[in-house]
Amino acid sequence: MIQPTQLAAKVITQAQEKKESLTDNAMTSIFKEALLKNDWLQDNRNICLLEDGLAWVENRLYIPASQKMDLMKRFHNSKIAGHFGFVNTMHLIKRQFWWPSLKKDIENYVARRRN
């Protein structure tokens, strides 16, 4: 357990803090398993930081294709979010997460919900 004096002395960058909170997520084990089978990630290791079995692109957690739909649903459909439109949903997701075609996928997801 960290003592209050130790806590005050501990300096954590914003990116590190974000990584710590995201890696505590219950979805972490699902992400790790999906990453092992991910062709895109295997082909693009040069732009990813692999840390504790997770992949990071520009300090954002890489989301495997198998998890994109669930993530978009959680951010767009949550009661707190209030069914945000495309721009707000994209902004919320893009702050912490990354995957190829993120913008297009979110735009399509929100458009399907409108119809």
N, C-alpha and C. Protein backbone atom coordinates (compact mmCIF):
# COMPACT_ATOMS: atom_id res chain seq x y z
N MET A 1 0.84 -1.18 0.00
CA MET A 1 0.00 0.00 0.00
C MET A 1 0.88 1.24 0.00
N ILE A 2 0.54 2.20 -0.82
CA ILE A 2 1.31 3.44 -0.92
C ILE A 2 0.90 4.37 0.21
N GLN A 3 1.88 4.87 0.94
CA GLN A 3 1.63 5.83 2.01
C GLN A 3 1.37 7.21 1.41
N PRO A 4 0.62 8.09 2.12
CA PRO A 4 0.32 9.42 1.58
C PRO A 4 1.56 10.20 1.15
N THR A 5 2.65 10.08 1.91
CA THR A 5 3.86 10.82 1.54
C THR A 5 4.48 10.27 0.26
N GLN A 6 4.40 8.95 0.10
CA GLN A 6 4.91 8.34 -1.13
C GLN A 6 4.04 8.72 -2.32
N LEU A 7 2.74 8.78 -2.07
CA LEU A 7 1.81 9.13 -3.14
C LEU A 7 2.08 10.55 -3.62
N ALA A 8 2.33 11.46 -2.71
CA ALA A 8 2.60 12.85 -3.08
C ALA A 8 3.89 12.95 -3.88
N ALA A 9 4.84 12.08 -3.59
CA ALA A 9 6.13 12.13 -4.28
C ALA A 9 6.10 11.44 -5.63
N LYS A 10 5.10 10.63 -5.86
CA LYS A 10 5.03 9.87 -7.11
C LYS A 10 4.54 10.77 -8.24
N VAL A 11 5.35 10.85 -9.27
CA VAL A 11 5.00 11.68 -10.42
C VAL A 11 4.63 10.75 -11.58
N ILE A 12 3.42 10.96 -12.11
CA ILE A 12 2.94 10.14 -13.22
C ILE A 12 2.52 11.06 -14.34
N THR A 13 3.00 10.80 -15.53
CA THR A 13 2.58 11.61 -16.66
C THR A 13 1.14 11.29 -17.01
N GLN A 14 0.51 12.18 -17.74
CA GLN A 14 -0.88 11.97 -18.13
C GLN A 14 -1.04 10.68 -18.93
N ALA A 15 -0.12 10.43 -19.83
CA ALA A 15 -0.20 9.22 -20.65
C ALA A 15 -0.06 7.97 -19.79
N GLN A 16 0.87 7.98 -18.84
CA GLN A 16 1.04 6.83 -17.96
C GLN A 16 -0.20 6.59 -17.12
N GLU A 17 -0.77 7.67 -16.61
CA GLU A 17 -1.97 7.57 -15.79
C GLU A 17 -3.12 6.97 -16.59
N LYS A 18 -3.26 7.43 -17.83
CA LYS A 18 -4.31 6.91 -18.71
C LYS A 18 -4.09 5.42 -18.96
N LYS A 19 -2.84 5.05 -19.22
CA LYS A 19 -2.53 3.64 -19.47
C LYS A 19 -2.87 2.79 -18.25
N GLU A 20 -2.53 3.28 -17.06
CA GLU A 20 -2.80 2.52 -15.86
C GLU A 20 -4.30 2.31 -15.66
N SER A 21 -5.09 3.35 -15.87
CA SER A 21 -6.53 3.21 -15.67
C SER A 21 -7.14 2.30 -16.73
N LEU A 22 -6.67 2.36 -17.95
CA LEU A 22 -7.21 1.51 -19.01
C LEU A 22 -6.81 0.06 -18.83
N THR A 23 -5.60 -0.18 -18.38
CA THR A 23 -5.16 -1.56 -18.23
C THR A 23 -5.78 -2.23 -17.02
N ASP A 24 -6.39 -1.48 -16.12
CA ASP A 24 -7.12 -2.07 -15.01
C ASP A 24 -8.49 -2.57 -15.45
N ASN A 25 -8.92 -2.21 -16.62
CA ASN A 25 -10.23 -2.57 -17.14
C ASN A 25 -10.38 -4.08 -17.23
N ALA A 26 -11.58 -4.56 -16.97
CA ALA A 26 -11.86 -6.00 -17.04
C ALA A 26 -11.69 -6.55 -18.45
N MET A 27 -11.74 -5.68 -19.45
CA MET A 27 -11.61 -6.11 -20.84
C MET A 27 -10.16 -6.43 -21.21
N THR A 28 -9.22 -6.13 -20.36
CA THR A 28 -7.80 -6.29 -20.68
C THR A 28 -7.47 -7.70 -21.16
N SER A 29 -7.97 -8.71 -20.49
CA SER A 29 -7.63 -10.08 -20.91
C SER A 29 -8.20 -10.40 -22.28
N ILE A 30 -9.38 -9.86 -22.60
CA ILE A 30 -9.98 -10.07 -23.92
C ILE A 30 -9.12 -9.41 -24.99
N PHE A 31 -8.66 -8.18 -24.71
CA PHE A 31 -7.80 -7.46 -25.66
C PHE A 31 -6.51 -8.24 -25.89
N LYS A 32 -5.91 -8.70 -24.83
CA LYS A 32 -4.64 -9.42 -24.96
C LYS A 32 -4.80 -10.65 -25.84
N GLU A 33 -5.86 -11.40 -25.63
CA GLU A 33 -6.09 -12.61 -26.42
C GLU A 33 -6.32 -12.26 -27.89
N ALA A 34 -7.11 -11.22 -28.14
CA ALA A 34 -7.39 -10.81 -29.52
C ALA A 34 -6.14 -10.29 -30.22
N LEU A 35 -5.26 -9.63 -29.48
CA LEU A 35 -4.04 -9.08 -30.08
C LEU A 35 -3.12 -10.18 -30.60
N LEU A 36 -3.10 -11.30 -29.93
CA LEU A 36 -2.24 -12.40 -30.36
C LEU A 36 -2.61 -12.90 -31.75
N LYS A 37 -3.87 -12.74 -32.12
CA LYS A 37 -4.36 -13.24 -33.41
C LYS A 37 -4.52 -12.12 -34.43
N ASN A 38 -4.02 -10.93 -34.14
CA ASN A 38 -4.30 -9.76 -34.95
C ASN A 38 -3.27 -9.57 -36.07
N ASP A 39 -3.71 -9.72 -37.32
CA ASP A 39 -2.82 -9.57 -38.47
C ASP A 39 -2.33 -8.13 -38.63
N TRP A 40 -3.23 -7.15 -38.46
CA TRP A 40 -2.84 -5.75 -38.63
C TRP A 40 -1.71 -5.41 -37.66
N LEU A 41 -1.87 -5.80 -36.43
CA LEU A 41 -0.86 -5.50 -35.42
C LEU A 41 0.47 -6.16 -35.76
N GLN A 42 0.43 -7.39 -36.20
CA GLN A 42 1.66 -8.10 -36.56
C GLN A 42 2.38 -7.39 -37.70
N ASP A 43 1.62 -6.84 -38.64
CA ASP A 43 2.21 -6.15 -39.80
C ASP A 43 2.65 -4.72 -39.50
N ASN A 44 2.19 -4.15 -38.39
CA ASN A 44 2.47 -2.74 -38.08
C ASN A 44 3.11 -2.54 -36.72
N ARG A 45 3.91 -3.47 -36.30
CA ARG A 45 4.56 -3.36 -34.99
C ARG A 45 5.45 -2.12 -34.88
N ASN A 46 5.88 -1.59 -36.00
CA ASN A 46 6.77 -0.42 -35.98
C ASN A 46 6.07 0.84 -35.47
N ILE A 47 4.75 0.91 -35.52
CA ILE A 47 4.06 2.11 -35.03
C ILE A 47 3.37 1.88 -33.69
N CYS A 48 3.52 0.68 -33.13
CA CYS A 48 2.86 0.32 -31.88
C CYS A 48 3.87 0.17 -30.75
N LEU A 49 3.42 0.50 -29.57
CA LEU A 49 4.20 0.23 -28.36
C LEU A 49 3.50 -0.94 -27.68
N LEU A 50 4.21 -2.04 -27.53
CA LEU A 50 3.64 -3.19 -26.83
C LEU A 50 4.08 -3.12 -25.38
N GLU A 51 3.11 -3.13 -24.49
CA GLU A 51 3.40 -2.98 -23.07
C GLU A 51 2.42 -3.83 -22.27
N ASP A 52 2.94 -4.74 -21.47
CA ASP A 52 2.12 -5.62 -20.64
C ASP A 52 1.07 -6.38 -21.46
N GLY A 53 1.44 -6.78 -22.66
CA GLY A 53 0.53 -7.55 -23.49
C GLY A 53 -0.52 -6.74 -24.22
N LEU A 54 -0.47 -5.42 -24.10
CA LEU A 54 -1.41 -4.53 -24.78
C LEU A 54 -0.65 -3.71 -25.81
N ALA A 55 -1.35 -3.24 -26.81
CA ALA A 55 -0.72 -2.42 -27.86
C ALA A 55 -1.22 -0.99 -27.73
N TRP A 56 -0.29 -0.05 -27.89
CA TRP A 56 -0.60 1.38 -27.79
C TRP A 56 -0.14 2.07 -29.06
N VAL A 57 -0.98 2.93 -29.60
CA VAL A 57 -0.65 3.74 -30.76
C VAL A 57 -0.89 5.18 -30.35
N GLU A 58 0.14 5.99 -30.37
CA GLU A 58 0.04 7.41 -29.98
C GLU A 58 -0.60 7.55 -28.60
N ASN A 59 -0.16 6.75 -27.63
CA ASN A 59 -0.66 6.77 -26.26
C ASN A 59 -2.14 6.44 -26.14
N ARG A 60 -2.68 5.78 -27.14
CA ARG A 60 -4.08 5.32 -27.08
C ARG A 60 -4.09 3.80 -27.22
N LEU A 61 -4.98 3.17 -26.47
CA LEU A 61 -5.07 1.72 -26.48
C LEU A 61 -5.59 1.23 -27.82
N TYR A 62 -4.85 0.32 -28.44
CA TYR A 62 -5.26 -0.28 -29.71
C TYR A 62 -6.40 -1.25 -29.44
N ILE A 63 -7.50 -1.10 -30.19
CA ILE A 63 -8.67 -1.95 -30.03
C ILE A 63 -8.73 -2.96 -31.17
N PRO A 64 -8.71 -4.24 -30.85
CA PRO A 64 -8.82 -5.26 -31.90
C PRO A 64 -10.19 -5.20 -32.57
N ALA A 65 -10.27 -5.65 -33.81
CA ALA A 65 -11.52 -5.61 -34.57
C ALA A 65 -12.66 -6.29 -33.83
N SER A 66 -12.36 -7.34 -33.12
CA SER A 66 -13.40 -8.09 -32.41
C SER A 66 -14.03 -7.30 -31.27
N GLN A 67 -13.41 -6.20 -30.86
CA GLN A 67 -13.92 -5.41 -29.73
C GLN A 67 -14.47 -4.05 -30.13
N LYS A 68 -14.33 -3.67 -31.39
CA LYS A 68 -14.76 -2.32 -31.83
C LYS A 68 -16.24 -2.08 -31.60
N MET A 69 -17.08 -3.01 -32.02
CA MET A 69 -18.52 -2.82 -31.93
C MET A 69 -18.97 -2.62 -30.49
N ASP A 70 -18.45 -3.44 -29.59
CA ASP A 70 -18.82 -3.31 -28.19
C ASP A 70 -18.40 -1.96 -27.63
N LEU A 71 -17.21 -1.51 -27.99
CA LEU A 71 -16.72 -0.22 -27.50
C LEU A 71 -17.58 0.93 -28.03
N MET A 72 -17.90 0.91 -29.33
CA MET A 72 -18.74 1.97 -29.90
C MET A 72 -20.12 1.97 -29.24
N LYS A 73 -20.66 0.79 -29.01
CA LYS A 73 -21.97 0.68 -28.37
C LYS A 73 -21.93 1.28 -26.96
N ARG A 74 -20.90 0.95 -26.20
CA ARG A 74 -20.78 1.47 -24.84
C ARG A 74 -20.70 3.00 -24.81
N PHE A 75 -19.93 3.57 -25.72
CA PHE A 75 -19.76 5.02 -25.71
C PHE A 75 -20.96 5.75 -26.31
N HIS A 76 -21.55 5.22 -27.34
CA HIS A 76 -22.66 5.90 -28.00
C HIS A 76 -23.99 5.69 -27.28
N ASN A 77 -24.23 4.49 -26.78
CA ASN A 77 -25.53 4.15 -26.23
C ASN A 77 -25.66 4.32 -24.72
N SER A 78 -24.59 4.67 -24.04
CA SER A 78 -24.68 4.75 -22.59
C SER A 78 -25.64 5.85 -22.16
N LYS A 79 -26.27 5.64 -21.00
CA LYS A 79 -27.21 6.63 -20.48
C LYS A 79 -26.51 7.95 -20.20
N ILE A 80 -25.27 7.87 -19.77
CA ILE A 80 -24.50 9.09 -19.49
C ILE A 80 -24.23 9.85 -20.78
N ALA A 81 -23.88 9.13 -21.84
CA ALA A 81 -23.58 9.78 -23.12
C ALA A 81 -24.83 10.35 -23.76
N GLY A 82 -25.97 9.74 -23.52
CA GLY A 82 -27.21 10.26 -24.08
C GLY A 82 -27.28 10.14 -25.59
N HIS A 83 -26.76 9.07 -26.15
CA HIS A 83 -26.78 8.85 -27.60
C HIS A 83 -26.17 10.04 -28.35
N PHE A 84 -24.93 10.34 -28.03
CA PHE A 84 -24.22 11.42 -28.72
C PHE A 84 -24.21 11.17 -30.22
N GLY A 85 -24.09 12.23 -30.98
CA GLY A 85 -23.93 12.11 -32.42
C GLY A 85 -22.52 11.66 -32.76
N PHE A 86 -22.22 11.69 -34.04
CA PHE A 86 -20.93 11.20 -34.54
C PHE A 86 -19.75 11.94 -33.92
N VAL A 87 -19.76 13.26 -33.96
CA VAL A 87 -18.59 14.04 -33.52
C VAL A 87 -18.28 13.78 -32.05
N ASN A 88 -19.28 13.85 -31.19
CA ASN A 88 -19.04 13.64 -29.77
C ASN A 88 -18.63 12.21 -29.45
N THR A 89 -19.27 11.26 -30.10
CA THR A 89 -18.90 9.85 -29.89
C THR A 89 -17.47 9.61 -30.33
N MET A 90 -17.10 10.14 -31.49
CA MET A 90 -15.74 9.96 -31.98
C MET A 90 -14.74 10.61 -31.03
N HIS A 91 -15.04 11.81 -30.56
CA HIS A 91 -14.13 12.51 -29.66
C HIS A 91 -13.91 11.71 -28.37
N LEU A 92 -14.99 11.19 -27.81
CA LEU A 92 -14.87 10.41 -26.57
C LEU A 92 -14.01 9.17 -26.76
N ILE A 93 -14.23 8.47 -27.86
CA ILE A 93 -13.48 7.24 -28.12
C ILE A 93 -12.03 7.55 -28.49
N LYS A 94 -11.84 8.54 -29.34
CA LYS A 94 -10.51 8.85 -29.88
C LYS A 94 -9.54 9.33 -28.80
N ARG A 95 -10.04 9.88 -27.71
CA ARG A 95 -9.17 10.34 -26.64
C ARG A 95 -8.36 9.20 -26.02
N GLN A 96 -8.95 8.00 -25.97
CA GLN A 96 -8.30 6.91 -25.25
C GLN A 96 -7.99 5.69 -26.10
N PHE A 97 -8.64 5.57 -27.26
CA PHE A 97 -8.54 4.34 -28.03
C PHE A 97 -8.14 4.61 -29.48
N TRP A 98 -7.61 3.58 -30.15
CA TRP A 98 -7.21 3.71 -31.55
C TRP A 98 -7.41 2.38 -32.25
N TRP A 99 -7.81 2.46 -33.53
CA TRP A 99 -7.79 1.33 -34.45
C TRP A 99 -7.84 1.88 -35.86
N PRO A 100 -7.40 1.10 -36.85
CA PRO A 100 -7.49 1.58 -38.23
C PRO A 100 -8.96 1.81 -38.57
N SER A 101 -9.25 2.83 -39.29
CA SER A 101 -10.61 3.19 -39.73
C SER A 101 -11.53 3.59 -38.59
N LEU A 102 -10.98 4.09 -37.51
CA LEU A 102 -11.77 4.50 -36.35
C LEU A 102 -12.87 5.48 -36.74
N LYS A 103 -12.50 6.54 -37.43
CA LYS A 103 -13.46 7.58 -37.80
C LYS A 103 -14.60 7.01 -38.65
N LYS A 104 -14.24 6.25 -39.67
CA LYS A 104 -15.25 5.69 -40.57
C LYS A 104 -16.17 4.71 -39.83
N ASP A 105 -15.60 3.88 -38.99
CA ASP A 105 -16.39 2.90 -38.24
C ASP A 105 -17.40 3.59 -37.31
N ILE A 106 -16.95 4.63 -36.61
CA ILE A 106 -17.85 5.35 -35.70
C ILE A 106 -18.93 6.07 -36.50
N GLU A 107 -18.54 6.68 -37.60
CA GLU A 107 -19.52 7.38 -38.44
C GLU A 107 -20.60 6.41 -38.93
N ASN A 108 -20.20 5.24 -39.40
CA ASN A 108 -21.16 4.23 -39.86
C ASN A 108 -22.04 3.73 -38.72
N TYR A 109 -21.44 3.51 -37.57
CA TYR A 109 -22.20 3.01 -36.41
C TYR A 109 -23.28 4.01 -36.01
N VAL A 110 -22.91 5.27 -35.88
CA VAL A 110 -23.87 6.31 -35.47
C VAL A 110 -24.95 6.49 -36.54
N ALA A 111 -24.57 6.46 -37.81
CA ALA A 111 -25.54 6.61 -38.90
C ALA A 111 -26.57 5.48 -38.87
N ARG A 112 -26.13 4.26 -38.60
CA ARG A 112 -27.07 3.12 -38.53
C ARG A 112 -28.03 3.28 -37.36
N ARG A 113 -27.61 3.90 -36.30
CA ARG A 113 -28.48 4.10 -35.13
C ARG A 113 -29.52 5.18 -35.40
N ARG A 114 -29.20 6.12 -36.27
CA ARG A 114 -30.14 7.20 -36.61
C ARG A 114 -31.29 6.69 -37.46
N ASN A 115 -31.02 5.71 -38.29
CA ASN A 115 -32.03 5.21 -39.24
C ASN A 115 -32.97 4.21 -38.61
